Amino acid sequence: MEQQKLPNSTLILVLGILSIPMCCCYGVVGLILGITAIVLANKAAKIYAENPEEYTGYQNVKTGKILGIIGIILGVLYMIFIIVMISLVGWETLQDQELLQERLQDMIEV
């Protein structure tokens, strides 16, 4: 019997890879991509567990799941960083580069 490719194995890998750089979009995009990669990876792992000899591409699923977890962690950390920065200096300050530099200099001098 010919082996077939595991459903969504390439998609899971791509979503896992994209979740890492996209965590810099305020953490939200990386979080969404990482969660999607993990959910799809869990479904693919169940399919593979039922008949492992029928499918190939399980390595992509495992790698995509790991990268999705990393993307989620980075996304959450970046979201926490943004929340802390907003609480310390304010949203308007984050929008103005010169004002942000002044506030950071004030915080360093104190």
N, C-alpha and C. Protein backbone atom coordinates (compact mmCIF):
# COMPACT_ATOMS: atom_id res chain seq x y z
N MET A 1 0.83 -1.18 0.00
CA MET A 1 0.00 0.00 0.00
C MET A 1 0.88 1.25 0.00
N GLU A 2 0.51 2.23 -0.80
CA GLU A 2 1.28 3.45 -0.91
C GLU A 2 0.94 4.40 0.23
N GLN A 3 1.98 5.00 0.80
CA GLN A 3 1.77 5.94 1.90
C GLN A 3 1.29 7.28 1.35
N GLN A 4 0.39 7.89 2.08
CA GLN A 4 -0.09 9.21 1.69
C GLN A 4 0.39 10.25 2.69
N LYS A 5 0.43 11.48 2.23
CA LYS A 5 0.89 12.56 3.08
C LYS A 5 -0.16 12.87 4.13
N LEU A 6 0.30 13.12 5.34
CA LEU A 6 -0.58 13.45 6.45
C LEU A 6 -1.29 14.77 6.16
N PRO A 7 -2.61 14.83 6.35
CA PRO A 7 -3.35 16.07 6.03
C PRO A 7 -2.83 17.26 6.83
N ASN A 8 -2.65 18.36 6.13
CA ASN A 8 -2.23 19.65 6.72
C ASN A 8 -0.84 19.65 7.33
N SER A 9 0.00 18.67 7.01
CA SER A 9 1.33 18.65 7.63
C SER A 9 2.17 19.84 7.20
N THR A 10 2.10 20.21 5.94
CA THR A 10 2.86 21.37 5.47
C THR A 10 2.27 22.66 6.02
N LEU A 11 0.95 22.73 6.08
CA LEU A 11 0.29 23.92 6.62
C LEU A 11 0.65 24.13 8.09
N ILE A 12 0.71 23.06 8.84
CA ILE A 12 1.07 23.14 10.26
C ILE A 12 2.49 23.69 10.40
N LEU A 13 3.39 23.20 9.57
CA LEU A 13 4.77 23.68 9.61
C LEU A 13 4.85 25.16 9.25
N VAL A 14 4.14 25.57 8.21
CA VAL A 14 4.16 26.97 7.79
C VAL A 14 3.56 27.87 8.87
N LEU A 15 2.45 27.46 9.46
CA LEU A 15 1.84 28.27 10.53
C LEU A 15 2.77 28.37 11.74
N GLY A 16 3.44 27.27 12.07
CA GLY A 16 4.39 27.30 13.18
C GLY A 16 5.54 28.23 12.91
N ILE A 17 6.05 28.21 11.68
CA ILE A 17 7.16 29.10 11.33
C ILE A 17 6.71 30.55 11.36
N LEU A 18 5.54 30.84 10.79
CA LEU A 18 5.05 32.22 10.74
C LEU A 18 4.66 32.77 12.10
N SER A 19 4.33 31.90 13.04
CA SER A 19 3.92 32.39 14.36
C SER A 19 5.07 33.07 15.09
N ILE A 20 6.30 32.73 14.77
CA ILE A 20 7.45 33.32 15.47
C ILE A 20 7.70 34.77 15.05
N PRO A 21 7.88 35.06 13.75
CA PRO A 21 8.10 36.48 13.43
C PRO A 21 6.84 37.34 13.58
N MET A 22 5.66 36.73 13.46
CA MET A 22 4.43 37.51 13.57
C MET A 22 4.06 37.85 15.01
N CYS A 23 4.80 37.34 15.97
CA CYS A 23 4.52 37.71 17.36
C CYS A 23 4.85 39.17 17.61
N CYS A 24 5.60 39.79 16.71
CA CYS A 24 5.94 41.21 16.85
C CYS A 24 4.79 42.12 16.47
N CYS A 25 3.70 41.59 15.96
CA CYS A 25 2.50 42.38 15.64
C CYS A 25 1.64 42.46 16.90
N TYR A 26 2.18 43.09 17.94
CA TYR A 26 1.55 43.22 19.25
C TYR A 26 1.25 41.87 19.88
N GLY A 27 1.85 40.80 19.38
CA GLY A 27 1.70 39.48 19.96
C GLY A 27 0.46 38.73 19.51
N VAL A 28 -0.52 39.43 18.97
CA VAL A 28 -1.81 38.82 18.67
C VAL A 28 -1.73 37.87 17.48
N VAL A 29 -1.10 38.31 16.40
CA VAL A 29 -1.05 37.48 15.19
C VAL A 29 -0.25 36.21 15.45
N GLY A 30 0.88 36.33 16.12
CA GLY A 30 1.67 35.15 16.46
C GLY A 30 0.92 34.19 17.35
N LEU A 31 0.14 34.73 18.25
CA LEU A 31 -0.67 33.92 19.15
C LEU A 31 -1.72 33.14 18.37
N ILE A 32 -2.40 33.80 17.45
CA ILE A 32 -3.44 33.14 16.65
C ILE A 32 -2.83 32.05 15.77
N LEU A 33 -1.72 32.37 15.10
CA LEU A 33 -1.09 31.38 14.23
C LEU A 33 -0.56 30.19 15.03
N GLY A 34 0.02 30.46 16.20
CA GLY A 34 0.54 29.38 17.03
C GLY A 34 -0.56 28.47 17.55
N ILE A 35 -1.66 29.04 17.99
CA ILE A 35 -2.78 28.23 18.47
C ILE A 35 -3.37 27.40 17.34
N THR A 36 -3.50 28.00 16.16
CA THR A 36 -4.02 27.26 15.01
C THR A 36 -3.10 26.10 14.65
N ALA A 37 -1.79 26.33 14.68
CA ALA A 37 -0.84 25.27 14.37
C ALA A 37 -0.94 24.12 15.37
N ILE A 38 -1.11 24.44 16.63
CA ILE A 38 -1.20 23.40 17.66
C ILE A 38 -2.49 22.60 17.52
N VAL A 39 -3.60 23.28 17.26
CA VAL A 39 -4.88 22.57 17.11
C VAL A 39 -4.83 21.63 15.91
N LEU A 40 -4.31 22.13 14.78
CA LEU A 40 -4.20 21.27 13.59
C LEU A 40 -3.21 20.12 13.82
N ALA A 41 -2.14 20.40 14.56
CA ALA A 41 -1.15 19.36 14.84
C ALA A 41 -1.75 18.25 15.71
N ASN A 42 -2.58 18.63 16.67
CA ASN A 42 -3.22 17.62 17.51
C ASN A 42 -4.16 16.73 16.70
N LYS A 43 -4.91 17.34 15.77
CA LYS A 43 -5.79 16.55 14.91
C LYS A 43 -5.00 15.61 14.02
N ALA A 44 -3.90 16.12 13.45
CA ALA A 44 -3.06 15.30 12.58
C ALA A 44 -2.38 14.18 13.38
N ALA A 45 -2.01 14.45 14.61
CA ALA A 45 -1.37 13.42 15.44
C ALA A 45 -2.35 12.29 15.75
N LYS A 46 -3.61 12.63 15.96
CA LYS A 46 -4.62 11.60 16.19
C LYS A 46 -4.81 10.72 14.96
N ILE A 47 -4.83 11.35 13.80
CA ILE A 47 -4.96 10.58 12.56
C ILE A 47 -3.75 9.67 12.38
N TYR A 48 -2.57 10.21 12.65
CA TYR A 48 -1.34 9.42 12.49
C TYR A 48 -1.29 8.28 13.50
N ALA A 49 -1.77 8.50 14.71
CA ALA A 49 -1.73 7.47 15.76
C ALA A 49 -2.62 6.27 15.40
N GLU A 50 -3.68 6.51 14.66
CA GLU A 50 -4.57 5.41 14.28
C GLU A 50 -3.92 4.47 13.27
N ASN A 51 -3.22 5.02 12.28
CA ASN A 51 -2.56 4.20 11.25
C ASN A 51 -1.22 4.83 10.87
N PRO A 52 -0.19 4.64 11.66
CA PRO A 52 1.08 5.31 11.35
C PRO A 52 1.75 4.80 10.07
N GLU A 53 1.47 3.58 9.68
CA GLU A 53 2.11 3.05 8.47
C GLU A 53 1.51 3.60 7.19
N GLU A 54 0.37 4.26 7.27
CA GLU A 54 -0.30 4.78 6.07
C GLU A 54 0.12 6.20 5.73
N TYR A 55 0.76 6.91 6.66
CA TYR A 55 1.01 8.34 6.45
C TYR A 55 2.49 8.68 6.55
N THR A 56 2.86 9.72 5.81
CA THR A 56 4.19 10.33 5.91
C THR A 56 4.00 11.79 6.32
N GLY A 57 5.07 12.44 6.72
CA GLY A 57 5.02 13.86 7.06
C GLY A 57 4.76 14.14 8.52
N TYR A 58 4.89 13.13 9.37
CA TYR A 58 4.64 13.37 10.79
C TYR A 58 5.72 14.27 11.40
N GLN A 59 6.92 14.25 10.83
CA GLN A 59 7.99 15.11 11.32
C GLN A 59 7.63 16.59 11.15
N ASN A 60 6.97 16.92 10.03
CA ASN A 60 6.51 18.30 9.83
C ASN A 60 5.49 18.70 10.89
N VAL A 61 4.63 17.76 11.26
CA VAL A 61 3.61 18.03 12.27
C VAL A 61 4.27 18.30 13.62
N LYS A 62 5.23 17.47 13.99
CA LYS A 62 5.91 17.66 15.28
C LYS A 62 6.68 18.98 15.30
N THR A 63 7.38 19.28 14.22
CA THR A 63 8.15 20.52 14.15
C THR A 63 7.23 21.73 14.18
N GLY A 64 6.13 21.68 13.43
CA GLY A 64 5.17 22.78 13.41
C GLY A 64 4.55 23.02 14.77
N LYS A 65 4.29 21.94 15.50
CA LYS A 65 3.71 22.07 16.84
C LYS A 65 4.70 22.73 17.79
N ILE A 66 5.95 22.33 17.73
CA ILE A 66 6.98 22.94 18.58
C ILE A 66 7.14 24.42 18.25
N LEU A 67 7.19 24.74 16.95
CA LEU A 67 7.32 26.14 16.56
C LEU A 67 6.08 26.95 16.96
N GLY A 68 4.90 26.33 16.91
CA GLY A 68 3.69 26.99 17.35
C GLY A 68 3.73 27.31 18.84
N ILE A 69 4.26 26.39 19.63
CA ILE A 69 4.40 26.63 21.07
C ILE A 69 5.36 27.78 21.32
N ILE A 70 6.47 27.79 20.59
CA ILE A 70 7.44 28.89 20.73
C ILE A 70 6.79 30.21 20.32
N GLY A 71 6.02 30.20 19.23
CA GLY A 71 5.33 31.41 18.79
C GLY A 71 4.33 31.92 19.81
N ILE A 72 3.62 30.99 20.46
CA ILE A 72 2.67 31.40 21.50
C ILE A 72 3.40 32.02 22.69
N ILE A 73 4.48 31.41 23.11
CA ILE A 73 5.25 31.95 24.24
C ILE A 73 5.79 33.34 23.91
N LEU A 74 6.37 33.49 22.72
CA LEU A 74 6.90 34.80 22.33
C LEU A 74 5.78 35.83 22.20
N GLY A 75 4.64 35.41 21.66
CA GLY A 75 3.51 36.33 21.53
C GLY A 75 3.00 36.81 22.87
N VAL A 76 2.90 35.90 23.82
CA VAL A 76 2.44 36.28 25.17
C VAL A 76 3.45 37.21 25.83
N LEU A 77 4.73 36.89 25.70
CA LEU A 77 5.77 37.75 26.29
C LEU A 77 5.74 39.14 25.67
N TYR A 78 5.55 39.21 24.35
CA TYR A 78 5.50 40.52 23.70
C TYR A 78 4.27 41.30 24.12
N MET A 79 3.13 40.60 24.27
CA MET A 79 1.92 41.28 24.74
C MET A 79 2.12 41.84 26.15
N ILE A 80 2.78 41.07 27.00
CA ILE A 80 3.07 41.55 28.36
C ILE A 80 3.99 42.77 28.30
N PHE A 81 4.99 42.72 27.43
CA PHE A 81 5.91 43.85 27.27
C PHE A 81 5.15 45.10 26.83
N ILE A 82 4.27 44.97 25.86
CA ILE A 82 3.50 46.11 25.37
C ILE A 82 2.60 46.67 26.47
N ILE A 83 1.95 45.79 27.22
CA ILE A 83 1.08 46.25 28.31
C ILE A 83 1.88 47.00 29.37
N VAL A 84 3.06 46.49 29.71
CA VAL A 84 3.91 47.16 30.70
C VAL A 84 4.36 48.52 30.17
N MET A 85 4.75 48.57 28.90
CA MET A 85 5.19 49.84 28.32
C MET A 85 4.05 50.86 28.29
N ILE A 86 2.85 50.41 27.94
CA ILE A 86 1.71 51.33 27.93
C ILE A 86 1.42 51.83 29.34
N SER A 87 1.52 50.94 30.32
CA SER A 87 1.24 51.38 31.70
C SER A 87 2.33 52.30 32.24
N LEU A 88 3.56 52.14 31.78
CA LEU A 88 4.65 52.99 32.28
C LEU A 88 4.68 54.36 31.62
N VAL A 89 4.55 54.40 30.29
CA VAL A 89 4.75 55.67 29.59
C VAL A 89 3.50 56.19 28.89
N GLY A 90 2.49 55.36 28.71
CA GLY A 90 1.27 55.81 28.05
C GLY A 90 1.27 55.54 26.56
N TRP A 91 0.08 55.43 26.01
CA TRP A 91 -0.07 55.10 24.59
C TRP A 91 0.41 56.25 23.69
N GLU A 92 0.12 57.49 24.07
CA GLU A 92 0.52 58.63 23.26
C GLU A 92 2.04 58.73 23.17
N THR A 93 2.71 58.41 24.27
CA THR A 93 4.17 58.46 24.29
C THR A 93 4.77 57.40 23.36
N LEU A 94 4.16 56.25 23.30
CA LEU A 94 4.66 55.20 22.41
C LEU A 94 4.51 55.58 20.94
N GLN A 95 3.58 56.47 20.64
CA GLN A 95 3.36 56.89 19.26
C GLN A 95 4.34 57.97 18.81
N ASP A 96 4.92 58.71 19.76
CA ASP A 96 5.83 59.80 19.45
C ASP A 96 7.25 59.40 19.87
N GLN A 97 8.13 59.26 18.89
CA GLN A 97 9.49 58.76 19.13
C GLN A 97 10.29 59.69 20.04
N GLU A 98 10.21 61.00 19.82
CA GLU A 98 10.99 61.94 20.63
C GLU A 98 10.51 61.96 22.08
N LEU A 99 9.21 61.95 22.26
CA LEU A 99 8.65 61.94 23.61
C LEU A 99 9.01 60.64 24.34
N LEU A 100 9.02 59.54 23.61
CA LEU A 100 9.41 58.25 24.19
C LEU A 100 10.86 58.28 24.66
N GLN A 101 11.73 58.86 23.84
CA GLN A 101 13.14 58.95 24.23
C GLN A 101 13.31 59.82 25.47
N GLU A 102 12.56 60.91 25.55
CA GLU A 102 12.63 61.77 26.73
C GLU A 102 12.17 61.03 27.98
N ARG A 103 11.05 60.33 27.87
CA ARG A 103 10.52 59.59 29.03
C ARG A 103 11.50 58.49 29.47
N LEU A 104 12.09 57.79 28.52
CA LEU A 104 13.05 56.73 28.87
C LEU A 104 14.29 57.33 29.52
N GLN A 105 14.75 58.48 29.03
CA GLN A 105 15.89 59.14 29.66
C GLN A 105 15.56 59.56 31.09
N ASP A 106 14.33 60.07 31.30
CA ASP A 106 13.90 60.44 32.66
C ASP A 106 13.87 59.24 33.58
N MET A 107 13.42 58.10 33.06
CA MET A 107 13.36 56.88 33.87
C MET A 107 14.76 56.36 34.21
N ILE A 108 15.70 56.52 33.30
CA ILE A 108 17.06 56.06 33.53
C ILE A 108 17.77 56.94 34.56
N GLU A 109 17.55 58.26 34.49
CA GLU A 109 18.22 59.20 35.38
C GLU A 109 17.74 59.09 36.81
N VAL A 110 16.54 58.65 37.02
CA VAL A 110 15.99 58.58 38.38
C VAL A 110 16.51 57.42 39.13
